[in-house]
Amino acid sequence: KEPGEYKDFHYEPNVQQYQNGSLGFTHISKDSEGQYLCEAKNNIGTGVSKVIFLRVNAPAHFVQKSKQVQVVKGEQAHLQCAANGDTPMQISWKIGGQHILKEGRSTLALAIVFLTRAF
């Protein structure tokens, strides 16, 4: 959210407002991230308000858990690693414990020269 943009609190099953005015979140997601404006007022004097920025940290996770790619010997294969999460994120490729690409690339194109094991 941009500065000055606040989230209006509406009833949501994963958000609870307690008697003391605080909010409780269960099963929080990146959609909940943003600036929240809390306002308090009574019949004595003017009301007060406070802005609280809620940041939701998301660990790296794969969009697609597992995938098997089949290719004909001599053809090209494209292996894609789609991961979501907070940045900066580092993606690396290994085969047999050895790095095969520079960090940061998430797509690998291979020319299949020989196969040692077929699935």
PDB file of N, CA and C in Angstrom:
ATOM      1  N   LYS A   1       0.838  -1.189   0.000  1.00  0.00           N
ATOM      2  CA  LYS A   1       0.000   0.000   0.000  1.00  0.00           C
ATOM      3  C   LYS A   1       0.879   1.246   0.000  1.00  0.00           C
ATOM      4  N   GLU A   2       0.378   2.286  -0.622  1.00  0.00           N
ATOM      5  CA  GLU A   2       1.086   3.561  -0.659  1.00  0.00           C
ATOM      6  C   GLU A   2       0.904   4.291   0.674  1.00  0.00           C
ATOM      7  N   PRO A   3       1.862   5.182   1.029  1.00  0.00           N
ATOM      8  CA  PRO A   3       1.698   5.961   2.258  1.00  0.00           C
ATOM      9  C   PRO A   3       0.375   6.721   2.229  1.00  0.00           C
ATOM     10  N   GLY A   4      -0.336   6.711   3.333  1.00  0.00           N
ATOM     11  CA  GLY A   4      -1.615   7.396   3.407  1.00  0.00           C
ATOM     12  C   GLY A   4      -2.792   6.514   3.025  1.00  0.00           C
ATOM     13  N   GLU A   5      -2.527   5.339   2.463  1.00  0.00           N
ATOM     14  CA  GLU A   5      -3.607   4.412   2.137  1.00  0.00           C
ATOM     15  C   GLU A   5      -3.774   3.454   3.309  1.00  0.00           C
ATOM     16  N   TYR A   6      -4.956   3.421   3.862  1.00  0.00           N
ATOM     17  CA  TYR A   6      -5.206   2.584   5.023  1.00  0.00           C
ATOM     18  C   TYR A   6      -6.149   1.457   4.655  1.00  0.00           C
ATOM     19  N   LYS A   7      -6.074   0.397   5.402  1.00  0.00           N
ATOM     20  CA  LYS A   7      -7.003  -0.715   5.218  1.00  0.00           C
ATOM     21  C   LYS A   7      -8.193  -0.482   6.140  1.00  0.00           C
ATOM     22  N   ASP A   8      -9.381  -0.459   5.577  1.00  0.00           N
ATOM     23  CA  ASP A   8     -10.578  -0.389   6.408  1.00  0.00           C
ATOM     24  C   ASP A   8     -10.788  -1.754   7.037  1.00  0.00           C
ATOM     25  N   PHE A   9     -11.120  -1.742   8.311  1.00  0.00           N
ATOM     26  CA  PHE A   9     -11.357  -3.005   8.993  1.00  0.00           C
ATOM     27  C   PHE A   9     -12.801  -3.412   8.776  1.00  0.00           C
ATOM     28  N   HIS A  10     -12.976  -4.518   8.119  1.00  0.00           N
ATOM     29  CA  HIS A  10     -14.282  -5.141   7.946  1.00  0.00           C
ATOM     30  C   HIS A  10     -14.185  -6.507   8.600  1.00  0.00           C
ATOM     31  N   TYR A  11     -15.324  -7.073   8.888  1.00  0.00           N
ATOM     32  CA  TYR A  11     -15.293  -8.400   9.488  1.00  0.00           C
ATOM     33  C   TYR A  11     -14.664  -9.384   8.514  1.00  0.00           C
ATOM     34  N   GLU A  12     -13.672 -10.068   8.974  1.00  0.00           N
ATOM     35  CA  GLU A  12     -13.047 -11.154   8.230  1.00  0.00           C
ATOM     36  C   GLU A  12     -12.877 -12.301   9.217  1.00  0.00           C
ATOM     37  N   PRO A  13     -13.063 -13.539   8.755  1.00  0.00           N
ATOM     38  CA  PRO A  13     -12.983 -14.665   9.694  1.00  0.00           C
ATOM     39  C   PRO A  13     -11.613 -14.828  10.348  1.00  0.00           C
ATOM     40  N   ASN A  14     -10.548 -14.313   9.725  1.00  0.00           N
ATOM     41  CA  ASN A  14      -9.213 -14.491  10.301  1.00  0.00           C
ATOM     42  C   ASN A  14      -8.759 -13.277  11.109  1.00  0.00           C
ATOM     43  N   VAL A  15      -9.641 -12.291  11.311  1.00  0.00           N
ATOM     44  CA  VAL A  15      -9.288 -11.087  12.074  1.00  0.00           C
ATOM     45  C   VAL A  15     -10.310 -10.907  13.192  1.00  0.00           C
ATOM     46  N   GLN A  16      -9.791 -10.624  14.387  1.00  0.00           N
ATOM     47  CA  GLN A  16     -10.677 -10.411  15.528  1.00  0.00           C
ATOM     48  C   GLN A  16     -10.300  -9.110  16.210  1.00  0.00           C
ATOM     49  N   GLN A  17     -11.302  -8.286  16.525  1.00  0.00           N
ATOM     50  CA  GLN A  17     -11.060  -7.074  17.296  1.00  0.00           C
ATOM     51  C   GLN A  17     -11.426  -7.360  18.745  1.00  0.00           C
ATOM     52  N   TYR A  18     -10.456  -7.146  19.643  1.00  0.00           N
ATOM     53  CA  TYR A  18     -10.658  -7.418  21.058  1.00  0.00           C
ATOM     54  C   TYR A  18     -11.276  -6.209  21.756  1.00  0.00           C
ATOM     55  N   GLN A  19     -11.745  -6.404  22.986  1.00  0.00           N
ATOM     56  CA  GLN A  19     -12.397  -5.324  23.735  1.00  0.00           C
ATOM     57  C   GLN A  19     -11.463  -4.150  23.983  1.00  0.00           C
ATOM     58  N   ASN A  20     -10.166  -4.411  24.083  1.00  0.00           N
ATOM     59  CA  ASN A  20      -9.219  -3.315  24.315  1.00  0.00           C
ATOM     60  C   ASN A  20      -8.875  -2.573  23.021  1.00  0.00           C
ATOM     61  N   GLY A  21      -9.486  -2.983  21.895  1.00  0.00           N
ATOM     62  CA  GLY A  21      -9.274  -2.292  20.627  1.00  0.00           C
ATOM     63  C   GLY A  21      -8.218  -2.907  19.741  1.00  0.00           C
ATOM     64  N   SER A  22      -7.414  -3.811  20.265  1.00  0.00           N
ATOM     65  CA  SER A  22      -6.353  -4.399  19.443  1.00  0.00           C
ATOM     66  C   SER A  22      -6.939  -5.418  18.468  1.00  0.00           C
ATOM     67  N   LEU A  23      -6.183  -5.691  17.411  1.00  0.00           N
ATOM     68  CA  LEU A  23      -6.594  -6.670  16.413  1.00  0.00           C
ATOM     69  C   LEU A  23      -5.758  -7.926  16.562  1.00  0.00           C
ATOM     70  N   GLY A  24      -6.379  -9.055  16.335  1.00  0.00           N
ATOM     71  CA  GLY A  24      -5.676 -10.334  16.316  1.00  0.00           C
ATOM     72  C   GLY A  24      -5.885 -10.985  14.961  1.00  0.00           C
ATOM     73  N   PHE A  25      -4.818 -11.490  14.369  1.00  0.00           N
ATOM     74  CA  PHE A  25      -4.872 -12.130  13.054  1.00  0.00           C
ATOM     75  C   PHE A  25      -4.533 -13.610  13.200  1.00  0.00           C
ATOM     76  N   THR A  26      -5.277 -14.460  12.518  1.00  0.00           N
ATOM     77  CA  THR A  26      -4.921 -15.869  12.405  1.00  0.00           C
ATOM     78  C   THR A  26      -4.757 -16.171  10.925  1.00  0.00           C
ATOM     79  N   HIS A  27      -3.872 -17.071  10.605  1.00  0.00           N
ATOM     80  CA  HIS A  27      -3.613 -17.447   9.212  1.00  0.00           C
ATOM     81  C   HIS A  27      -3.359 -16.204   8.358  1.00  0.00           C
ATOM     82  N   ILE A  28      -2.422 -15.385   8.782  1.00  0.00           N
ATOM     83  CA  ILE A  28      -2.156 -14.118   8.099  1.00  0.00           C
ATOM     84  C   ILE A  28      -1.499 -14.365   6.743  1.00  0.00           C
ATOM     85  N   SER A  29      -1.773 -13.485   5.788  1.00  0.00           N
ATOM     86  CA  SER A  29      -1.189 -13.602   4.450  1.00  0.00           C
ATOM     87  C   SER A  29      -0.634 -12.247   4.031  1.00  0.00           C
ATOM     88  N   LYS A  30       0.064 -12.228   2.889  1.00  0.00           N
ATOM     89  CA  LYS A  30       0.622 -10.976   2.375  1.00  0.00           C
ATOM     90  C   LYS A  30      -0.481  -9.965   2.078  1.00  0.00           C
ATOM     91  N   ASP A  31      -1.701 -10.431   1.818  1.00  0.00           N
ATOM     92  CA  ASP A  31      -2.819  -9.520   1.546  1.00  0.00           C
ATOM     93  C   ASP A  31      -3.143  -8.647   2.754  1.00  0.00           C
ATOM     94  N   SER A  32      -2.776  -9.085   3.941  1.00  0.00           N
ATOM     95  CA  SER A  32      -3.053  -8.320   5.163  1.00  0.00           C
ATOM     96  C   SER A  32      -2.031  -7.218   5.397  1.00  0.00           C
ATOM     97  N   GLU A  33      -0.944  -7.233   4.642  1.00  0.00           N
ATOM     98  CA  GLU A  33       0.111  -6.236   4.833  1.00  0.00           C
ATOM     99  C   GLU A  33      -0.390  -4.849   4.452  1.00  0.00           C
ATOM    100  N   GLY A  34       0.004  -3.848   5.230  1.00  0.00           N
ATOM    101  CA  GLY A  34      -0.371  -2.472   4.905  1.00  0.00           C
ATOM    102  C   GLY A  34      -0.453  -1.607   6.145  1.00  0.00           C
ATOM    103  N   GLN A  35      -0.936  -0.384   5.937  1.00  0.00           N
ATOM    104  CA  GLN A  35      -1.076   0.572   7.021  1.00  0.00           C
ATOM    105  C   GLN A  35      -2.492   0.496   7.584  1.00  0.00           C
ATOM    106  N   TYR A  36      -2.561   0.360   8.872  1.00  0.00           N
ATOM    107  CA  TYR A  36      -3.845   0.317   9.565  1.00  0.00           C
ATOM    108  C   TYR A  36      -3.970   1.578  10.405  1.00  0.00           C
ATOM    109  N   LEU A  37      -5.122   2.210  10.350  1.00  0.00           N
ATOM    110  CA  LEU A  37      -5.389   3.419  11.121  1.00  0.00           C
ATOM    111  C   LEU A  37      -6.319   3.054  12.270  1.00  0.00           C
ATOM    112  N   CYS A  38      -5.844   3.290  13.474  1.00  0.00           N
ATOM    113  CA  CYS A  38      -6.640   3.037  14.672  1.00  0.00           C
ATOM    114  C   CYS A  38      -7.121   4.387  15.200  1.00  0.00           C
ATOM    115  N   GLU A  39      -8.415   4.516  15.397  1.00  0.00           N
ATOM    116  CA  GLU A  39      -8.980   5.760  15.917  1.00  0.00           C
ATOM    117  C   GLU A  39      -9.691   5.469  17.237  1.00  0.00           C
ATOM    118  N   ALA A  40      -9.502   6.351  18.201  1.00  0.00           N
ATOM    119  CA  ALA A  40     -10.165   6.219  19.504  1.00  0.00           C
ATOM    120  C   ALA A  40     -10.831   7.542  19.849  1.00  0.00           C
ATOM    121  N   LYS A  41     -12.066   7.482  20.302  1.00  0.00           N
ATOM    122  CA  LYS A  41     -12.760   8.711  20.705  1.00  0.00           C
ATOM    123  C   LYS A  41     -13.788   8.382  21.775  1.00  0.00           C
ATOM    124  N   ASN A  42     -14.085   9.384  22.554  1.00  0.00           N
ATOM    125  CA  ASN A  42     -15.153   9.288  23.547  1.00  0.00           C
ATOM    126  C   ASN A  42     -15.832  10.651  23.622  1.00  0.00           C
ATOM    127  N   ASN A  43     -16.676  10.857  24.603  1.00  0.00           N
ATOM    128  CA  ASN A  43     -17.418  12.122  24.709  1.00  0.00           C
ATOM    129  C   ASN A  43     -16.611  13.234  25.358  1.00  0.00           C
ATOM    130  N   ILE A  44     -15.360  12.955  25.706  1.00  0.00           N
ATOM    131  CA  ILE A  44     -14.530  13.960  26.363  1.00  0.00           C
ATOM    132  C   ILE A  44     -13.388  14.319  25.424  1.00  0.00           C
ATOM    133  N   GLY A  45     -13.352  15.517  24.930  1.00  0.00           N
ATOM    134  CA  GLY A  45     -12.256  15.963  24.067  1.00  0.00           C
ATOM    135  C   GLY A  45     -12.359  15.410  22.652  1.00  0.00           C
ATOM    136  N   THR A  46     -11.288  15.642  21.904  1.00  0.00           N
ATOM    137  CA  THR A  46     -11.255  15.183  20.517  1.00  0.00           C
ATOM    138  C   THR A  46     -10.673  13.779  20.449  1.00  0.00           C
ATOM    139  N   GLY A  47     -10.950  13.103  19.368  1.00  0.00           N
ATOM    140  CA  GLY A  47     -10.436  11.749  19.189  1.00  0.00           C
ATOM    141  C   GLY A  47      -8.958  11.747  18.840  1.00  0.00           C
ATOM    142  N   VAL A  48      -8.359  10.598  18.967  1.00  0.00           N
ATOM    143  CA  VAL A  48      -6.948  10.422  18.612  1.00  0.00           C
ATOM    144  C   VAL A  48      -6.851   9.276  17.609  1.00  0.00           C
ATOM    145  N   SER A  49      -5.756   9.280  16.870  1.00  0.00           N
ATOM    146  CA  SER A  49      -5.556   8.195  15.905  1.00  0.00           C
ATOM    147  C   SER A  49      -4.082   7.829  15.844  1.00  0.00           C
ATOM    148  N   LYS A  50      -3.842   6.637  15.366  1.00  0.00           N
ATOM    149  CA  LYS A  50      -2.481   6.122  15.277  1.00  0.00           C
ATOM    150  C   LYS A  50      -2.407   5.224  14.049  1.00  0.00           C
ATOM    151  N   VAL A  51      -1.306   5.337  13.305  1.00  0.00           N
ATOM    152  CA  VAL A  51      -1.092   4.490  12.132  1.00  0.00           C
ATOM    153  C   VAL A  51      -0.103   3.393  12.509  1.00  0.00           C
ATOM    154  N   ILE A  52      -0.456   2.167  12.179  1.00  0.00           N
ATOM    155  CA  ILE A  52       0.432   1.029  12.423  1.00  0.00           C
ATOM    156  C   ILE A  52       0.648   0.316  11.098  1.00  0.00           C
ATOM    157  N   PHE A  53       1.914   0.144  10.728  1.00  0.00           N
ATOM    158  CA  PHE A  53       2.224  -0.582   9.492  1.00  0.00           C
ATOM    159  C   PHE A  53       2.452  -2.045   9.841  1.00  0.00           C
ATOM    160  N   LEU A  54       1.698  -2.913   9.207  1.00  0.00           N
ATOM    161  CA  LEU A  54       1.845  -4.354   9.406  1.00  0.00           C
ATOM    162  C   LEU A  54       2.636  -4.921   8.239  1.00  0.00           C
ATOM    163  N   ARG A  55       3.787  -5.490   8.544  1.00  0.00           N
ATOM    164  CA  ARG A  55       4.618  -6.135   7.523  1.00  0.00           C
ATOM    165  C   ARG A  55       4.519  -7.635   7.737  1.00  0.00           C
ATOM    166  N   VAL A  56       4.220  -8.350   6.668  1.00  0.00           N
ATOM    167  CA  VAL A  56       4.103  -9.804   6.726  1.00  0.00           C
ATOM    168  C   VAL A  56       5.292 -10.398   5.989  1.00  0.00           C
ATOM    169  N   ASN A  57       6.166 -11.064   6.713  1.00  0.00           N
ATOM    170  CA  ASN A  57       7.341 -11.691   6.103  1.00  0.00           C
ATOM    171  C   ASN A  57       6.958 -13.063   5.572  1.00  0.00           C
ATOM    172  N   ALA A  58       7.311 -13.306   4.312  1.00  0.00           N
ATOM    173  CA  ALA A  58       6.970 -14.582   3.682  1.00  0.00           C
ATOM    174  C   ALA A  58       8.241 -15.342   3.333  1.00  0.00           C
ATOM    175  N   PRO A  59       8.418 -16.548   3.871  1.00  0.00           N
ATOM    176  CA  PRO A  59       9.597 -17.340   3.525  1.00  0.00           C
ATOM    177  C   PRO A  59       9.500 -17.838   2.084  1.00  0.00           C
ATOM    178  N   ALA A  60      10.624 -18.229   1.546  1.00  0.00           N
ATOM    179  CA  ALA A  60      10.642 -18.774   0.184  1.00  0.00           C
ATOM    180  C   ALA A  60       9.828 -20.062   0.138  1.00  0.00           C
ATOM    181  N   HIS A  61       9.022 -20.175  -0.901  1.00  0.00           N
ATOM    182  CA  HIS A  61       8.271 -21.410  -1.112  1.00  0.00           C
ATOM    183  C   HIS A  61       8.039 -21.583  -2.607  1.00  0.00           C
ATOM    184  N   PHE A  62       7.906 -22.825  -3.018  1.00  0.00           N
ATOM    185  CA  PHE A  62       7.716 -23.122  -4.429  1.00  0.00           C
ATOM    186  C   PHE A  62       6.249 -23.030  -4.809  1.00  0.00           C
ATOM    187  N   VAL A  63       6.000 -22.457  -5.976  1.00  0.00           N
ATOM    188  CA  VAL A  63       4.649 -22.360  -6.502  1.00  0.00           C
ATOM    189  C   VAL A  63       4.145 -23.754  -6.850  1.00  0.00           C
ATOM    190  N   GLN A  64       4.991 -24.531  -7.513  1.00  0.00           N
ATOM    191  CA  GLN A  64       4.662 -25.910  -7.865  1.00  0.00           C
ATOM    192  C   GLN A  64       5.639 -26.807  -7.116  1.00  0.00           C
ATOM    193  N   LYS A  65       5.127 -27.714  -6.310  1.00  0.00           N
ATOM    194  CA  LYS A  65       5.981 -28.520  -5.438  1.00  0.00           C
ATOM    195  C   LYS A  65       6.975 -29.389  -6.194  1.00  0.00           C
ATOM    196  N   SER A  66       6.503 -30.187  -7.121  1.00  0.00           N
ATOM    197  CA  SER A  66       7.380 -31.134  -7.792  1.00  0.00           C
ATOM    198  C   SER A  66       6.915 -31.309  -9.223  1.00  0.00           C
ATOM    199  N   LYS A  67       7.859 -31.516 -10.102  1.00  0.00           N
ATOM    200  CA  LYS A  67       7.508 -31.691 -11.503  1.00  0.00           C
ATOM    201  C   LYS A  67       8.523 -32.615 -12.150  1.00  0.00           C
ATOM    202  N   GLN A  68       8.043 -33.478 -13.008  1.00  0.00           N
ATOM    203  CA  GLN A  68       8.925 -34.372 -13.753  1.00  0.00           C
ATOM    204  C   GLN A  68       8.920 -33.909 -15.201  1.00  0.00           C
ATOM    205  N   VAL A  69      10.107 -33.744 -15.773  1.00  0.00           N
ATOM    206  CA  VAL A  69      10.243 -33.320 -17.162  1.00  0.00           C
ATOM    207  C   VAL A  69      10.823 -34.477 -17.955  1.00  0.00           C
ATOM    208  N   GLN A  70      10.181 -34.807 -19.055  1.00  0.00           N
ATOM    209  CA  GLN A  70      10.688 -35.861 -19.928  1.00  0.00           C
ATOM    210  C   GLN A  70      11.105 -35.223 -21.243  1.00  0.00           C
ATOM    211  N   VAL A  71      12.214 -35.707 -21.791  1.00  0.00           N
ATOM    212  CA  VAL A  71      12.741 -35.143 -23.028  1.00  0.00           C
ATOM    213  C   VAL A  71      13.391 -36.254 -23.838  1.00  0.00           C
ATOM    214  N   VAL A  72      13.370 -36.091 -25.135  1.00  0.00           N
ATOM    215  CA  VAL A  72      14.011 -37.051 -26.032  1.00  0.00           C
ATOM    216  C   VAL A  72      15.497 -36.738 -26.093  1.00  0.00           C
ATOM    217  N   LYS A  73      16.323 -37.762 -26.060  1.00  0.00           N
ATOM    218  CA  LYS A  73      17.770 -37.602 -26.116  1.00  0.00           C
ATOM    219  C   LYS A  73      18.140 -36.756 -27.335  1.00  0.00           C
ATOM    220  N   GLY A  74      19.007 -35.776 -27.106  1.00  0.00           N
ATOM    221  CA  GLY A  74      19.450 -34.876 -28.168  1.00  0.00           C
ATOM    222  C   GLY A  74      18.620 -33.605 -28.271  1.00  0.00           C
ATOM    223  N   GLU A  75      17.447 -33.574 -27.613  1.00  0.00           N
ATOM    224  CA  GLU A  75      16.591 -32.389 -27.636  1.00  0.00           C
ATOM    225  C   GLU A  75      16.949 -31.476 -26.467  1.00  0.00           C
ATOM    226  N   GLN A  76      16.321 -30.320 -26.432  1.00  0.00           N
ATOM    227  CA  GLN A  76      16.570 -29.354 -25.373  1.00  0.00           C
ATOM    228  C   GLN A  76      15.484 -29.473 -24.302  1.00  0.00           C
ATOM    229  N   ALA A  77      15.866 -29.283 -23.055  1.00  0.00           N
ATOM    230  CA  ALA A  77      14.913 -29.309 -21.940  1.00  0.00           C
ATOM    231  C   ALA A  77      14.965 -27.971 -21.217  1.00  0.00           C
ATOM    232  N   HIS A  78      13.826 -27.518 -20.735  1.00  0.00           N
ATOM    233  CA  HIS A  78      13.745 -26.277 -19.955  1.00  0.00           C
ATOM    234  C   HIS A  78      13.236 -26.628 -18.563  1.00  0.00           C
ATOM    235  N   LEU A  79      14.043 -26.353 -17.567  1.00  0.00           N
ATOM    236  CA  LEU A  79      13.662 -26.586 -16.174  1.00  0.00           C
ATOM    237  C   LEU A  79      13.431 -25.229 -15.533  1.00  0.00           C
ATOM    238  N   GLN A  80      12.256 -25.027 -14.971  1.00  0.00           N
ATOM    239  CA  GLN A  80      11.934 -23.742 -14.370  1.00  0.00           C
ATOM    240  C   GLN A  80      11.684 -23.912 -12.884  1.00  0.00           C
ATOM    241  N   CYS A  81      12.247 -22.998 -12.114  1.00  0.00           N
ATOM    242  CA  CYS A  81      12.099 -23.008 -10.664  1.00  0.00           C
ATOM    243  C   CYS A  81      11.359 -21.729 -10.277  1.00  0.00           C
ATOM    244  N   ALA A  82      10.063 -21.819 -10.062  1.00  0.00           N
ATOM    245  CA  ALA A  82       9.262 -20.653  -9.700  1.00  0.00           C
ATOM    246  C   ALA A  82       9.071 -20.640  -8.189  1.00  0.00           C
ATOM    247  N   ALA A  83       9.673 -19.655  -7.539  1.00  0.00           N
ATOM    248  CA  ALA A  83       9.579 -19.537  -6.088  1.00  0.00           C
ATOM    249  C   ALA A  83       9.004 -18.177  -5.723  1.00  0.00           C
ATOM    250  N   ASN A  84       8.197 -18.146  -4.690  1.00  0.00           N
ATOM    251  CA  ASN A  84       7.646 -16.900  -4.161  1.00  0.00           C
ATOM    252  C   ASN A  84       8.170 -16.684  -2.754  1.00  0.00           C
ATOM    253  N   GLY A  85       8.138 -15.430  -2.319  1.00  0.00           N
ATOM    254  CA  GLY A  85       8.578 -15.069  -0.980  1.00  0.00           C
ATOM    255  C   GLY A  85       9.165 -13.677  -1.005  1.00  0.00           C
ATOM    256  N   ASP A  86       9.585 -13.213   0.155  1.00  0.00           N
ATOM    257  CA  ASP A  86      10.171 -11.879   0.237  1.00  0.00           C
ATOM    258  C   ASP A  86      11.517 -11.830  -0.459  1.00  0.00           C
ATOM    259  N   THR A  87      11.831 -10.662  -0.975  1.00  0.00           N
ATOM    260  CA  THR A  87      13.136 -10.431  -1.583  1.00  0.00           C
ATOM    261  C   THR A  87      14.038  -9.800  -0.533  1.00  0.00           C
ATOM    262  N   PRO A  88      15.326  -9.904  -0.673  1.00  0.00           N
ATOM    263  CA  PRO A  88      16.019 -10.600  -1.764  1.00  0.00           C
ATOM    264  C   PRO A  88      15.935 -12.116  -1.588  1.00  0.00           C
ATOM    265  N   MET A  89      15.807 -12.797  -2.714  1.00  0.00           N
ATOM    266  CA  MET A  89      15.735 -14.252  -2.714  1.00  0.00           C
ATOM    267  C   MET A  89      16.838 -14.765  -3.631  1.00  0.00           C
ATOM    268  N   GLN A  90      17.503 -15.792  -3.210  1.00  0.00           N
ATOM    269  CA  GLN A  90      18.561 -16.388  -4.021  1.00  0.00           C
ATOM    270  C   GLN A  90      18.091 -17.745  -4.517  1.00  0.00           C
ATOM    271  N   ILE A  91      18.257 -17.950  -5.814  1.00  0.00           N
ATOM    272  CA  ILE A  91      17.914 -19.234  -6.421  1.00  0.00           C
ATOM    273  C   ILE A  91      19.189 -19.828  -6.976  1.00  0.00           C
ATOM    274  N   SER A  92      19.446 -21.077  -6.652  1.00  0.00           N
ATOM    275  CA  SER A  92      20.640 -21.731  -7.185  1.00  0.00           C
ATOM    276  C   SER A  92      20.263 -23.109  -7.708  1.00  0.00           C
ATOM    277  N   TRP A  93      21.036 -23.577  -8.656  1.00  0.00           N
ATOM    278  CA  TRP A  93      20.828 -24.890  -9.271  1.00  0.00           C
ATOM    279  C   TRP A  93      22.022 -25.769  -8.954  1.00  0.00           C
ATOM    280  N   LYS A  94      21.742 -27.014  -8.586  1.00  0.00           N
ATOM    281  CA  LYS A  94      22.806 -27.979  -8.308  1.00  0.00           C
ATOM    282  C   LYS A  94      22.455 -29.301  -8.964  1.00  0.00           C
ATOM    283  N   ILE A  95      23.480 -30.032  -9.311  1.00  0.00           N
ATOM    284  CA  ILE A  95      23.308 -31.414  -9.738  1.00  0.00           C
ATOM    285  C   ILE A  95      24.446 -32.192  -9.096  1.00  0.00           C
ATOM    286  N   GLY A  96      24.119 -33.240  -8.400  1.00  0.00           N
ATOM    287  CA  GLY A  96      25.134 -34.000  -7.687  1.00  0.00           C
ATOM    288  C   GLY A  96      25.865 -33.169  -6.652  1.00  0.00           C
ATOM    289  N   GLY A  97      25.175 -32.184  -6.052  1.00  0.00           N
ATOM    290  CA  GLY A  97      25.781 -31.345  -5.026  1.00  0.00           C
ATOM    291  C   GLY A  97      26.638 -30.211  -5.556  1.00  0.00           C
ATOM    292  N   GLN A  98      26.788 -30.097  -6.865  1.00  0.00           N
ATOM    293  CA  GLN A  98      27.633 -29.064  -7.472  1.00  0.00           C
ATOM    294  C   GLN A  98      26.768 -27.985  -8.119  1.00  0.00           C
ATOM    295  N   HIS A  99      27.136 -26.713  -7.891  1.00  0.00           N
ATOM    296  CA  HIS A  99      26.428 -25.598  -8.530  1.00  0.00           C
ATOM    297  C   HIS A  99      26.674 -25.645 -10.034  1.00  0.00           C
ATOM    298  N   ILE A 100      25.620 -25.394 -10.812  1.00  0.00           N
ATOM    299  CA  ILE A 100      25.780 -25.419 -12.266  1.00  0.00           C
ATOM    300  C   ILE A 100      25.426 -24.097 -12.924  1.00  0.00           C
ATOM    301  N   LEU A 101      24.898 -23.134 -12.176  1.00  0.00           N
ATOM    302  CA  LEU A 101      24.558 -21.814 -12.714  1.00  0.00           C
ATOM    303  C   LEU A 101      24.956 -20.738 -11.728  1.00  0.00           C
ATOM    304  N   LYS A 102      25.089 -19.515 -12.245  1.00  0.00           N
ATOM    305  CA  LYS A 102      25.285 -18.382 -11.356  1.00  0.00           C
ATOM    306  C   LYS A 102      23.975 -18.115 -10.638  1.00  0.00           C
ATOM    307  N   GLU A 103      24.050 -17.577  -9.417  1.00  0.00           N
ATOM    308  CA  GLU A 103      22.849 -17.300  -8.636  1.00  0.00           C
ATOM    309  C   GLU A 103      21.990 -16.257  -9.330  1.00  0.00           C
ATOM    310  N   GLY A 104      20.697 -16.367  -9.112  1.00  0.00           N
ATOM    311  CA  GLY A 104      19.766 -15.374  -9.623  1.00  0.00           C
ATOM    312  C   GLY A 104      18.946 -15.849 -10.798  1.00  0.00           C
ATOM    313  N   ARG A 105      19.451 -16.786 -11.586  1.00  0.00           N
ATOM    314  CA  ARG A 105      18.683 -17.287 -12.719  1.00  0.00           C
ATOM    315  C   ARG A 105      17.721 -18.361 -12.228  1.00  0.00           C
ATOM    316  N   SER A 106      16.517 -18.339 -12.763  1.00  0.00           N
ATOM    317  CA  SER A 106      15.537 -19.318 -12.304  1.00  0.00           C
ATOM    318  C   SER A 106      15.110 -20.287 -13.395  1.00  0.00           C
ATOM    319  N   THR A 107      15.660 -20.145 -14.595  1.00  0.00           N
ATOM    320  CA  THR A 107      15.345 -21.066 -15.683  1.00  0.00           C
ATOM    321  C   THR A 107      16.626 -21.708 -16.166  1.00  0.00           C
ATOM    322  N   LEU A 108      16.574 -22.987 -16.419  1.00  0.00           N
ATOM    323  CA  LEU A 108      17.742 -23.727 -16.874  1.00  0.00           C
ATOM    324  C   LEU A 108      17.399 -24.405 -18.188  1.00  0.00           C
ATOM    325  N   ALA A 109      18.204 -24.160 -19.215  1.00  0.00           N
ATOM    326  CA  ALA A 109      18.021 -24.830 -20.504  1.00  0.00           C
ATOM    327  C   ALA A 109      19.158 -25.818 -20.679  1.00  0.00           C
ATOM    328  N   LEU A 110      18.820 -27.057 -20.942  1.00  0.00           N
ATOM    329  CA  LEU A 110      19.821 -28.107 -21.083  1.00  0.00           C
ATOM    330  C   LEU A 110      19.711 -28.752 -22.452  1.00  0.00           C
ATOM    331  N   ALA A 111      20.837 -29.012 -23.059  1.00  0.00           N
ATOM    332  CA  ALA A 111      20.860 -29.847 -24.255  1.00  0.00           C
ATOM    333  C   ALA A 111      21.213 -31.242 -23.773  1.00  0.00           C
ATOM    334  N   ILE A 112      20.319 -32.172 -23.935  1.00  0.00           N
ATOM    335  CA  ILE A 112      20.521 -33.526 -23.430  1.00  0.00           C
ATOM    336  C   ILE A 112      21.477 -34.258 -24.362  1.00  0.00           C
ATOM    337  N   VAL A 113      22.646 -34.551 -23.854  1.00  0.00           N
ATOM    338  CA  VAL A 113      23.660 -35.243 -24.636  1.00  0.00           C
ATOM    339  C   VAL A 113      23.609 -36.730 -24.347  1.00  0.00           C
ATOM    340  N   PHE A 114      23.482 -37.086 -23.076  1.00  0.00           N
ATOM    341  CA  PHE A 114      23.369 -38.495 -22.717  1.00  0.00           C
ATOM    342  C   PHE A 114      22.496 -38.615 -21.480  1.00  0.00           C
ATOM    343  N   LEU A 115      21.930 -39.753 -21.298  1.00  0.00           N
ATOM    344  CA  LEU A 115      21.114 -40.025 -20.127  1.00  0.00           C
ATOM    345  C   LEU A 115      21.775 -41.122 -19.318  1.00  0.00           C
ATOM    346  N   THR A 116      21.893 -40.885 -18.025  1.00  0.00           N
ATOM    347  CA  THR A 116      22.445 -41.923 -17.169  1.00  0.00           C
ATOM    348  C   THR A 116      21.334 -42.679 -16.453  1.00  0.00           C
ATOM    349  N   ARG A 117      20.157 -42.051 -16.353  1.00  0.00           N
ATOM    350  CA  ARG A 117      19.043 -42.689 -15.679  1.00  0.00           C
ATOM    351  C   ARG A 117      17.747 -42.151 -16.274  1.00  0.00           C
ATOM    352  N   ALA A 118      16.835 -43.004 -16.610  1.00  0.00           N
ATOM    353  CA  ALA A 118      15.547 -42.582 -17.161  1.00  0.00           C
ATOM    354  C   ALA A 118      14.452 -42.904 -16.166  1.00  0.00           C
ATOM    355  N   PHE A 119      13.414 -42.094 -16.147  1.00  0.00           N
ATOM    356  CA  PHE A 119      12.279 -42.300 -15.239  1.00  0.00           C
ATOM    357  C   PHE A 119      11.132 -42.920 -15.994  1.00  0.00           C
TER     358      PHE A 119
END
